[in-house]
N, C-alpha and C. Protein backbone atom coordinates (compact mmCIF):
# COMPACT_ATOMS: atom_id res chain seq x y z
N UNK A 1 -59.12 67.92 -79.25
CA UNK A 1 -59.12 68.34 -80.62
C UNK A 1 -57.82 69.05 -81.01
N UNK A 2 -57.24 69.69 -79.99
CA UNK A 2 -55.99 70.44 -80.27
C UNK A 2 -54.91 69.48 -80.77
N UNK A 3 -54.82 68.32 -80.13
CA UNK A 3 -53.80 67.35 -80.52
C UNK A 3 -54.02 66.90 -81.97
N UNK A 4 -55.25 66.65 -82.34
CA UNK A 4 -55.57 66.17 -83.70
C UNK A 4 -55.20 67.23 -84.73
N UNK A 5 -55.48 68.49 -84.44
CA UNK A 5 -55.15 69.57 -85.36
C UNK A 5 -53.64 69.67 -85.53
N UNK A 6 -52.88 69.58 -84.43
CA UNK A 6 -51.40 69.64 -84.49
C UNK A 6 -50.85 68.46 -85.29
N UNK A 7 -51.43 67.30 -85.10
CA UNK A 7 -50.96 66.12 -85.82
C UNK A 7 -51.22 66.24 -87.30
N UNK A 8 -52.39 66.74 -87.67
CA UNK A 8 -52.72 66.92 -89.09
C UNK A 8 -51.82 67.98 -89.73
N UNK A 9 -51.54 69.04 -89.00
CA UNK A 9 -50.65 70.08 -89.53
C UNK A 9 -49.24 69.53 -89.74
N UNK A 10 -48.83 68.70 -88.91
CA UNK A 10 -47.48 68.10 -89.03
C UNK A 10 -47.44 67.17 -90.25
N UNK A 11 -48.48 66.42 -90.47
CA UNK A 11 -48.53 65.53 -91.61
C UNK A 11 -48.52 66.27 -92.95
N UNK A 12 -49.11 67.44 -92.95
CA UNK A 12 -49.20 68.23 -94.19
C UNK A 12 -47.90 68.96 -94.51
N UNK A 13 -46.98 69.08 -93.56
CA UNK A 13 -45.71 69.77 -93.83
C UNK A 13 -44.84 68.93 -94.73
N UNK A 14 -43.99 69.60 -95.45
CA UNK A 14 -43.07 68.88 -96.35
C UNK A 14 -42.00 68.20 -95.50
N UNK A 15 -41.60 67.03 -95.94
CA UNK A 15 -40.55 66.31 -95.22
C UNK A 15 -39.21 66.96 -95.49
N UNK A 16 -38.35 66.97 -94.49
CA UNK A 16 -37.05 67.64 -94.60
C UNK A 16 -35.94 66.61 -94.66
N UNK A 17 -36.05 65.68 -95.62
CA UNK A 17 -35.06 64.63 -95.74
C UNK A 17 -33.74 65.10 -96.32
N UNK A 18 -33.74 66.24 -97.00
CA UNK A 18 -32.50 66.73 -97.62
C UNK A 18 -31.66 67.59 -96.68
N UNK A 19 -32.14 67.87 -95.48
CA UNK A 19 -31.37 68.67 -94.52
C UNK A 19 -30.46 67.77 -93.69
N UNK A 20 -29.24 68.25 -93.38
CA UNK A 20 -28.35 67.43 -92.54
C UNK A 20 -28.92 67.30 -91.12
N UNK A 21 -28.64 66.17 -90.52
CA UNK A 21 -29.12 65.92 -89.16
C UNK A 21 -28.11 66.52 -88.20
N UNK A 22 -28.62 67.22 -87.22
CA UNK A 22 -27.75 67.82 -86.19
C UNK A 22 -27.86 66.95 -84.94
N UNK A 23 -26.78 66.17 -84.69
CA UNK A 23 -26.81 65.24 -83.56
C UNK A 23 -26.50 65.91 -82.23
N UNK A 24 -25.50 66.78 -82.21
CA UNK A 24 -25.14 67.43 -80.94
C UNK A 24 -24.55 68.79 -81.24
N UNK A 25 -24.67 69.65 -80.27
CA UNK A 25 -24.07 70.98 -80.40
C UNK A 25 -22.55 70.85 -80.27
N UNK A 26 -21.83 71.90 -80.57
CA UNK A 26 -20.36 71.87 -80.53
C UNK A 26 -19.87 71.51 -79.12
N UNK A 27 -20.47 72.04 -78.11
CA UNK A 27 -20.09 71.72 -76.74
C UNK A 27 -20.32 70.24 -76.42
N UNK A 28 -21.40 69.68 -76.94
CA UNK A 28 -21.68 68.27 -76.75
C UNK A 28 -20.66 67.40 -77.45
N UNK A 29 -20.23 67.80 -78.63
CA UNK A 29 -19.21 67.04 -79.36
C UNK A 29 -17.88 67.08 -78.59
N UNK A 30 -17.51 68.24 -78.06
CA UNK A 30 -16.26 68.35 -77.31
C UNK A 30 -16.32 67.47 -76.05
N UNK A 31 -17.46 67.45 -75.39
CA UNK A 31 -17.61 66.61 -74.20
C UNK A 31 -17.53 65.14 -74.59
N UNK A 32 -18.10 64.75 -75.72
CA UNK A 32 -18.04 63.37 -76.18
C UNK A 32 -16.62 62.95 -76.51
N UNK A 33 -15.87 63.83 -77.18
CA UNK A 33 -14.48 63.52 -77.52
C UNK A 33 -13.65 63.41 -76.23
N UNK A 34 -13.85 64.31 -75.28
CA UNK A 34 -13.14 64.27 -74.01
C UNK A 34 -13.45 62.97 -73.26
N UNK A 35 -14.70 62.57 -73.25
CA UNK A 35 -15.09 61.33 -72.59
C UNK A 35 -14.43 60.13 -73.27
N UNK A 36 -14.40 60.12 -74.58
CA UNK A 36 -13.75 59.02 -75.32
C UNK A 36 -12.26 58.96 -75.00
N UNK A 37 -11.60 60.09 -74.92
CA UNK A 37 -10.17 60.13 -74.60
C UNK A 37 -9.94 59.62 -73.19
N UNK A 38 -10.76 60.03 -72.23
CA UNK A 38 -10.61 59.57 -70.85
C UNK A 38 -10.84 58.07 -70.71
N UNK A 39 -11.85 57.54 -71.38
CA UNK A 39 -12.12 56.11 -71.33
C UNK A 39 -10.98 55.32 -71.96
N UNK A 40 -10.44 55.80 -73.07
CA UNK A 40 -9.30 55.14 -73.72
C UNK A 40 -8.07 55.17 -72.82
N UNK A 41 -7.79 56.32 -72.20
CA UNK A 41 -6.63 56.42 -71.32
C UNK A 41 -6.81 55.53 -70.09
N UNK A 42 -8.00 55.48 -69.52
CA UNK A 42 -8.26 54.62 -68.36
C UNK A 42 -8.11 53.14 -68.70
N UNK A 43 -8.58 52.75 -69.85
CA UNK A 43 -8.46 51.36 -70.28
C UNK A 43 -7.01 50.99 -70.51
N UNK A 44 -6.28 51.88 -71.16
CA UNK A 44 -4.86 51.65 -71.42
C UNK A 44 -4.09 51.51 -70.08
N UNK A 45 -4.37 52.39 -69.13
CA UNK A 45 -3.71 52.34 -67.83
C UNK A 45 -4.07 51.07 -67.07
N UNK A 46 -5.32 50.61 -67.18
CA UNK A 46 -5.76 49.42 -66.47
C UNK A 46 -4.97 48.18 -66.90
N UNK A 47 -4.57 48.14 -68.16
CA UNK A 47 -3.85 46.97 -68.66
C UNK A 47 -2.33 47.12 -68.62
N UNK A 48 -1.82 48.33 -68.67
CA UNK A 48 -0.36 48.53 -68.70
C UNK A 48 0.20 49.18 -67.44
N UNK A 49 -0.64 49.83 -66.63
CA UNK A 49 -0.16 50.51 -65.43
C UNK A 49 0.01 49.55 -64.27
N UNK A 50 0.47 50.06 -63.14
CA UNK A 50 0.62 49.23 -61.96
C UNK A 50 0.36 50.05 -60.71
N UNK A 51 -0.07 49.36 -59.68
CA UNK A 51 -0.34 49.98 -58.39
C UNK A 51 0.57 49.37 -57.34
N UNK A 52 1.26 50.18 -56.56
CA UNK A 52 2.09 49.60 -55.49
C UNK A 52 1.19 49.05 -54.40
N UNK A 53 1.64 47.99 -53.74
CA UNK A 53 0.87 47.39 -52.65
C UNK A 53 1.77 47.25 -51.44
N UNK A 54 1.20 47.53 -50.27
CA UNK A 54 1.92 47.31 -49.02
C UNK A 54 0.99 46.59 -48.06
N UNK A 55 1.60 45.91 -47.11
CA UNK A 55 0.87 45.19 -46.08
C UNK A 55 1.48 45.59 -44.75
N UNK A 56 0.65 45.85 -43.77
CA UNK A 56 1.18 46.19 -42.45
C UNK A 56 1.24 44.94 -41.59
N UNK A 57 2.17 44.92 -40.67
CA UNK A 57 2.35 43.76 -39.80
C UNK A 57 2.89 44.24 -38.46
N UNK A 58 2.65 43.45 -37.44
CA UNK A 58 3.20 43.68 -36.10
C UNK A 58 4.30 42.67 -35.90
N UNK A 59 5.34 43.07 -35.17
CA UNK A 59 6.42 42.13 -34.98
C UNK A 59 7.32 42.53 -33.82
N UNK A 60 8.48 41.89 -33.79
CA UNK A 60 9.45 42.14 -32.75
C UNK A 60 10.85 42.11 -33.37
N UNK A 61 11.70 43.00 -32.89
CA UNK A 61 13.10 43.00 -33.32
C UNK A 61 13.93 42.61 -32.10
N UNK A 62 14.83 41.69 -32.30
CA UNK A 62 15.62 41.17 -31.18
C UNK A 62 17.11 41.26 -31.53
N UNK A 63 17.96 41.36 -30.51
CA UNK A 63 19.39 41.36 -30.77
C UNK A 63 19.80 40.02 -31.39
N UNK A 64 20.92 39.98 -32.09
CA UNK A 64 21.34 38.71 -32.68
C UNK A 64 21.58 37.66 -31.60
N UNK A 65 21.38 36.39 -31.93
CA UNK A 65 21.65 35.33 -30.95
C UNK A 65 23.11 35.39 -30.50
N UNK A 66 23.37 34.88 -29.31
CA UNK A 66 24.74 34.91 -28.74
C UNK A 66 25.75 34.21 -29.65
N UNK A 67 25.28 33.24 -30.43
CA UNK A 67 26.20 32.51 -31.31
C UNK A 67 26.76 33.38 -32.41
N UNK A 68 26.08 34.47 -32.73
CA UNK A 68 26.61 35.38 -33.76
C UNK A 68 26.40 36.82 -33.28
N UNK A 69 27.07 37.17 -32.22
CA UNK A 69 26.91 38.48 -31.56
C UNK A 69 27.21 39.64 -32.49
N UNK A 70 28.08 39.46 -33.45
CA UNK A 70 28.40 40.56 -34.36
C UNK A 70 27.49 40.54 -35.58
N UNK A 71 26.47 39.70 -35.56
CA UNK A 71 25.60 39.54 -36.73
C UNK A 71 24.48 40.56 -36.76
N UNK A 72 23.49 40.23 -37.52
CA UNK A 72 22.36 41.13 -37.74
C UNK A 72 21.27 40.86 -36.72
N UNK A 73 20.51 41.88 -36.34
CA UNK A 73 19.36 41.67 -35.46
C UNK A 73 18.33 40.79 -36.16
N UNK A 74 17.53 40.11 -35.39
CA UNK A 74 16.49 39.25 -35.93
C UNK A 74 15.16 39.96 -35.83
N UNK A 75 14.43 40.05 -36.94
CA UNK A 75 13.10 40.65 -36.94
C UNK A 75 12.10 39.56 -37.33
N UNK A 76 11.08 39.40 -36.50
CA UNK A 76 10.02 38.44 -36.78
C UNK A 76 8.73 39.24 -36.88
N UNK A 77 8.04 39.12 -38.02
CA UNK A 77 6.75 39.77 -38.22
C UNK A 77 5.66 38.70 -38.20
N UNK A 78 4.49 39.10 -37.75
CA UNK A 78 3.34 38.20 -37.73
C UNK A 78 2.34 38.71 -38.77
N UNK A 79 2.09 37.89 -39.78
CA UNK A 79 1.22 38.25 -40.90
C UNK A 79 0.05 37.28 -40.93
N UNK A 80 -1.13 37.77 -41.28
CA UNK A 80 -2.30 36.89 -41.39
C UNK A 80 -1.98 35.75 -42.36
N UNK A 81 -2.41 34.56 -42.01
CA UNK A 81 -2.08 33.36 -42.80
C UNK A 81 -2.45 33.51 -44.28
N UNK A 82 -3.64 34.07 -44.58
CA UNK A 82 -4.06 34.19 -45.97
C UNK A 82 -3.24 35.22 -46.74
N UNK A 83 -2.57 36.13 -46.02
CA UNK A 83 -1.73 37.12 -46.69
C UNK A 83 -0.28 36.67 -46.82
N UNK A 84 0.08 35.61 -46.14
CA UNK A 84 1.49 35.19 -46.11
C UNK A 84 1.99 34.77 -47.48
N UNK A 85 1.12 34.20 -48.35
CA UNK A 85 1.60 33.75 -49.66
C UNK A 85 1.95 34.92 -50.57
N UNK A 86 1.43 36.12 -50.26
CA UNK A 86 1.78 37.30 -51.08
C UNK A 86 3.15 37.85 -50.72
N UNK A 87 3.68 37.48 -49.56
CA UNK A 87 5.00 37.95 -49.14
C UNK A 87 6.05 37.00 -49.73
N UNK A 88 6.97 37.56 -50.49
CA UNK A 88 8.01 36.72 -51.10
C UNK A 88 9.38 37.13 -50.56
N UNK A 89 10.30 36.18 -50.59
CA UNK A 89 11.67 36.49 -50.16
C UNK A 89 12.22 37.60 -51.03
N UNK A 90 12.89 38.53 -50.40
CA UNK A 90 13.47 39.66 -51.11
C UNK A 90 12.59 40.90 -51.12
N UNK A 91 11.33 40.80 -50.64
CA UNK A 91 10.45 41.96 -50.58
C UNK A 91 11.03 42.98 -49.60
N UNK A 92 10.93 44.25 -49.96
CA UNK A 92 11.43 45.32 -49.08
C UNK A 92 10.49 45.52 -47.91
N UNK A 93 11.06 45.86 -46.75
CA UNK A 93 10.28 46.07 -45.52
C UNK A 93 10.76 47.35 -44.87
N UNK A 94 9.80 48.21 -44.47
CA UNK A 94 10.09 49.40 -43.67
C UNK A 94 9.62 49.13 -42.27
N UNK A 95 10.50 49.33 -41.29
CA UNK A 95 10.20 49.02 -39.89
C UNK A 95 10.20 50.29 -39.06
N UNK A 96 9.22 50.41 -38.18
CA UNK A 96 9.16 51.56 -37.28
C UNK A 96 9.04 51.04 -35.85
N UNK A 97 9.93 51.50 -34.99
CA UNK A 97 9.91 51.09 -33.58
C UNK A 97 9.10 52.13 -32.82
N UNK A 98 7.99 51.71 -32.17
CA UNK A 98 7.16 52.66 -31.44
C UNK A 98 7.95 53.34 -30.32
N UNK A 99 7.70 54.62 -30.13
CA UNK A 99 8.35 55.37 -29.06
C UNK A 99 9.72 55.89 -29.44
N UNK A 100 10.22 55.51 -30.61
CA UNK A 100 11.52 56.01 -31.06
C UNK A 100 11.25 56.96 -32.24
N UNK A 101 11.72 58.19 -32.19
CA UNK A 101 11.46 59.11 -33.29
C UNK A 101 12.04 58.57 -34.60
N UNK A 102 11.33 58.79 -35.73
CA UNK A 102 11.81 58.28 -37.01
C UNK A 102 13.20 58.81 -37.40
N UNK A 103 13.61 59.95 -36.82
CA UNK A 103 14.90 60.51 -37.17
C UNK A 103 16.04 59.86 -36.38
N UNK A 104 15.70 59.15 -35.29
CA UNK A 104 16.73 58.47 -34.50
C UNK A 104 17.28 57.29 -35.28
N UNK A 105 18.50 56.85 -34.99
CA UNK A 105 19.09 55.73 -35.74
C UNK A 105 18.22 54.47 -35.74
N UNK A 106 17.54 54.17 -34.64
CA UNK A 106 16.73 52.96 -34.59
C UNK A 106 15.26 53.23 -34.86
N UNK A 107 14.92 54.48 -35.21
CA UNK A 107 13.52 54.84 -35.40
C UNK A 107 12.89 54.32 -36.68
N UNK A 108 13.65 54.30 -37.76
CA UNK A 108 13.12 53.85 -39.04
C UNK A 108 14.17 52.97 -39.71
N UNK A 109 13.86 51.70 -39.83
CA UNK A 109 14.80 50.74 -40.38
C UNK A 109 14.27 50.17 -41.69
N UNK A 110 15.19 49.68 -42.52
CA UNK A 110 14.81 49.03 -43.76
C UNK A 110 15.46 47.65 -43.80
N UNK A 111 14.73 46.70 -44.33
CA UNK A 111 15.26 45.36 -44.46
C UNK A 111 14.60 44.63 -45.61
N UNK A 112 14.93 43.37 -45.76
CA UNK A 112 14.31 42.55 -46.79
C UNK A 112 13.82 41.24 -46.16
N UNK A 113 12.76 40.69 -46.73
CA UNK A 113 12.21 39.44 -46.23
C UNK A 113 13.22 38.33 -46.53
N UNK A 114 13.58 37.60 -45.50
CA UNK A 114 14.49 36.46 -45.66
C UNK A 114 13.69 35.22 -46.04
N UNK A 115 12.63 34.93 -45.29
CA UNK A 115 11.73 33.82 -45.64
C UNK A 115 10.44 33.96 -44.86
N UNK A 116 9.43 33.23 -45.32
CA UNK A 116 8.14 33.13 -44.64
C UNK A 116 7.98 31.72 -44.13
N UNK A 117 7.70 31.56 -42.86
CA UNK A 117 7.55 30.22 -42.27
C UNK A 117 6.28 29.55 -42.78
N UNK A 118 6.30 28.25 -42.87
CA UNK A 118 5.14 27.51 -43.36
C UNK A 118 4.18 27.13 -42.25
N UNK A 119 4.60 27.28 -41.01
CA UNK A 119 3.71 26.92 -39.89
C UNK A 119 3.20 28.18 -39.22
N UNK A 120 2.07 28.06 -38.54
CA UNK A 120 1.47 29.19 -37.86
C UNK A 120 2.19 29.45 -36.54
N UNK A 121 2.13 30.70 -36.10
CA UNK A 121 2.74 31.08 -34.84
C UNK A 121 1.92 30.53 -33.67
N UNK A 122 2.60 30.13 -32.63
CA UNK A 122 1.94 29.62 -31.42
C UNK A 122 1.53 30.85 -30.59
N UNK A 123 0.28 30.88 -30.17
CA UNK A 123 -0.27 32.05 -29.46
C UNK A 123 0.52 32.38 -28.18
N UNK A 124 0.98 31.39 -27.46
CA UNK A 124 1.74 31.64 -26.23
C UNK A 124 3.05 32.32 -26.55
N UNK A 125 3.70 31.93 -27.64
CA UNK A 125 4.97 32.56 -28.02
C UNK A 125 4.74 34.00 -28.44
N UNK A 126 3.65 34.26 -29.14
CA UNK A 126 3.34 35.63 -29.56
C UNK A 126 3.11 36.50 -28.34
N UNK A 127 2.33 36.00 -27.38
CA UNK A 127 2.04 36.76 -26.16
C UNK A 127 3.31 37.02 -25.35
N UNK A 128 4.22 36.04 -25.33
CA UNK A 128 5.47 36.21 -24.61
C UNK A 128 6.34 37.28 -25.27
N UNK A 129 6.37 37.32 -26.59
CA UNK A 129 7.21 38.31 -27.29
C UNK A 129 6.57 39.68 -27.34
N UNK A 130 5.26 39.73 -27.49
CA UNK A 130 4.55 41.00 -27.64
C UNK A 130 3.44 41.11 -26.61
N UNK A 131 3.75 41.28 -25.34
CA UNK A 131 2.69 41.27 -24.32
C UNK A 131 1.63 42.34 -24.55
N UNK A 132 2.04 43.53 -24.96
CA UNK A 132 1.07 44.63 -25.16
C UNK A 132 0.41 44.58 -26.54
N UNK A 133 1.09 44.04 -27.52
CA UNK A 133 0.59 44.06 -28.89
C UNK A 133 0.07 42.73 -29.39
N UNK A 134 -0.03 41.73 -28.52
CA UNK A 134 -0.47 40.40 -28.94
C UNK A 134 -1.87 40.41 -29.54
N UNK A 135 -2.73 41.32 -29.09
CA UNK A 135 -4.10 41.37 -29.61
C UNK A 135 -4.12 41.85 -31.07
N UNK A 136 -3.08 42.54 -31.54
CA UNK A 136 -3.03 43.01 -32.93
C UNK A 136 -2.58 41.90 -33.88
N UNK A 137 -2.09 40.81 -33.36
CA UNK A 137 -1.62 39.70 -34.19
C UNK A 137 -2.80 38.79 -34.49
N UNK A 138 -3.08 38.53 -35.77
CA UNK A 138 -4.23 37.67 -36.10
C UNK A 138 -4.00 36.23 -35.64
N UNK A 139 -5.06 35.52 -35.21
CA UNK A 139 -4.90 34.13 -34.79
C UNK A 139 -4.35 33.28 -35.96
N UNK A 140 -3.44 32.38 -35.64
CA UNK A 140 -2.87 31.52 -36.67
C UNK A 140 -1.97 32.26 -37.63
N UNK A 141 -1.37 33.36 -37.17
CA UNK A 141 -0.53 34.18 -38.05
C UNK A 141 0.71 33.43 -38.50
N UNK A 142 1.19 33.79 -39.67
CA UNK A 142 2.42 33.20 -40.20
C UNK A 142 3.60 34.07 -39.78
N UNK A 143 4.74 33.44 -39.62
CA UNK A 143 5.95 34.17 -39.27
C UNK A 143 6.68 34.60 -40.53
N UNK A 144 7.10 35.85 -40.56
CA UNK A 144 7.92 36.35 -41.65
C UNK A 144 9.21 36.85 -41.03
N UNK A 145 10.33 36.29 -41.45
CA UNK A 145 11.64 36.70 -40.89
C UNK A 145 12.25 37.72 -41.84
N UNK A 146 12.68 38.84 -41.27
CA UNK A 146 13.24 39.95 -42.04
C UNK A 146 14.71 40.11 -41.70
N UNK A 147 15.50 40.36 -42.71
CA UNK A 147 16.95 40.57 -42.56
C UNK A 147 17.22 42.07 -42.62
N UNK A 148 17.88 42.57 -41.58
CA UNK A 148 18.30 43.98 -41.54
C UNK A 148 19.80 44.00 -41.66
N UNK A 149 20.36 44.80 -42.57
CA UNK A 149 21.82 44.86 -42.68
C UNK A 149 22.46 45.25 -41.37
N UNK A 150 23.58 44.61 -41.04
CA UNK A 150 24.30 44.90 -39.80
C UNK A 150 24.72 46.36 -39.78
N UNK A 151 24.73 46.93 -38.61
CA UNK A 151 25.19 48.31 -38.46
C UNK A 151 24.06 49.31 -38.45
N UNK A 152 22.83 48.94 -38.87
CA UNK A 152 21.72 49.89 -38.83
C UNK A 152 21.29 50.18 -37.41
N UNK A 153 21.37 49.15 -36.56
CA UNK A 153 20.90 49.29 -35.20
C UNK A 153 21.63 48.31 -34.31
N UNK A 154 21.85 48.71 -33.04
CA UNK A 154 22.39 47.75 -32.08
C UNK A 154 21.39 47.71 -30.93
N UNK A 155 21.04 46.51 -30.54
CA UNK A 155 20.02 46.32 -29.52
C UNK A 155 20.55 45.53 -28.35
N UNK A 156 20.01 45.83 -27.17
CA UNK A 156 20.36 45.03 -26.01
C UNK A 156 19.17 44.19 -25.56
N UNK A 157 17.94 44.55 -26.02
CA UNK A 157 16.75 43.78 -25.67
C UNK A 157 15.78 43.81 -26.86
N UNK A 158 14.81 42.91 -26.81
CA UNK A 158 13.81 42.84 -27.88
C UNK A 158 12.85 44.01 -27.78
N UNK A 159 12.44 44.54 -28.93
CA UNK A 159 11.50 45.67 -28.98
C UNK A 159 10.35 45.33 -29.94
N UNK A 160 9.10 45.68 -29.56
CA UNK A 160 8.01 45.51 -30.51
C UNK A 160 8.12 46.55 -31.61
N UNK A 161 7.59 46.25 -32.78
CA UNK A 161 7.62 47.21 -33.87
C UNK A 161 6.47 46.98 -34.81
N UNK A 162 6.25 47.95 -35.66
CA UNK A 162 5.27 47.80 -36.75
C UNK A 162 6.03 47.89 -38.05
N UNK A 163 5.49 47.24 -39.07
CA UNK A 163 6.20 47.16 -40.34
C UNK A 163 5.25 47.32 -41.51
N UNK A 164 5.81 47.79 -42.61
CA UNK A 164 5.12 47.84 -43.88
C UNK A 164 5.91 46.97 -44.84
N UNK A 165 5.30 45.91 -45.33
CA UNK A 165 5.94 45.02 -46.28
C UNK A 165 5.52 45.47 -47.67
N UNK A 166 6.48 45.78 -48.51
CA UNK A 166 6.21 46.25 -49.87
C UNK A 166 6.09 45.04 -50.78
N UNK A 167 4.88 44.81 -51.28
CA UNK A 167 4.62 43.66 -52.12
C UNK A 167 4.82 44.02 -53.59
N UNK A 168 4.79 43.02 -54.43
CA UNK A 168 4.94 43.25 -55.88
C UNK A 168 3.77 44.09 -56.37
N UNK A 169 4.03 45.04 -57.29
CA UNK A 169 2.92 45.86 -57.81
C UNK A 169 1.92 44.99 -58.57
N UNK A 170 0.70 45.48 -58.66
CA UNK A 170 -0.37 44.74 -59.34
C UNK A 170 -0.99 45.64 -60.41
N UNK A 171 -1.43 45.01 -61.51
CA UNK A 171 -2.13 45.75 -62.55
C UNK A 171 -3.56 46.02 -62.08
N UNK A 172 -4.12 47.19 -62.38
CA UNK A 172 -5.49 47.48 -61.94
C UNK A 172 -6.50 46.46 -62.46
N UNK A 173 -6.33 45.97 -63.67
CA UNK A 173 -7.29 45.00 -64.22
C UNK A 173 -7.26 43.69 -63.43
N UNK A 174 -6.10 43.36 -62.81
CA UNK A 174 -6.01 42.16 -62.00
C UNK A 174 -6.81 42.30 -60.72
N UNK A 175 -6.89 43.53 -60.17
CA UNK A 175 -7.70 43.75 -58.97
C UNK A 175 -9.18 43.55 -59.27
N UNK A 176 -9.62 44.00 -60.43
CA UNK A 176 -11.02 43.86 -60.82
C UNK A 176 -11.38 42.41 -61.12
N UNK A 177 -10.46 41.72 -61.81
CA UNK A 177 -10.76 40.34 -62.21
C UNK A 177 -10.53 39.35 -61.07
N UNK A 178 -9.86 39.79 -59.99
CA UNK A 178 -9.64 38.93 -58.84
C UNK A 178 -8.47 37.97 -58.98
N UNK A 179 -7.62 38.17 -59.96
CA UNK A 179 -6.48 37.26 -60.12
C UNK A 179 -5.25 37.79 -59.45
């Protein structure tokens, strides 16, 4: 009966159609405006901003061939086949030789991608060049040849190394859409 009495009392009250509607308190309005600004800024950044991308790879750095002894060392990186198409000639590469401090002359090198081979690396050749690190090389890896400017390092034997290949930046919306 209590519900019926409350309902009847409500029906008998005058309607308040002439009063302004209060949708949110001042704090709620400020939070709504802040949320709108953040969503707008995020959307704008998604379409106009960019994210840097890097890829890690295992490889070997070798002295120049005897035919060009005064030339540049040869760096061969092994990259997963599906990632090889993202590596383009001219991409910057940072190289780190394990066991050599980054402050030493041969500890941290920079180079550029010369080319990416179209054929997969032969497993026996990878194992011969990287006996300890061959397990880190993905099966069917593609070869990426990196050019290091002469004078950065002089080598007497081949050394294993790890590398970060700096790829072209990508827009955040492209990551979401998968393109």
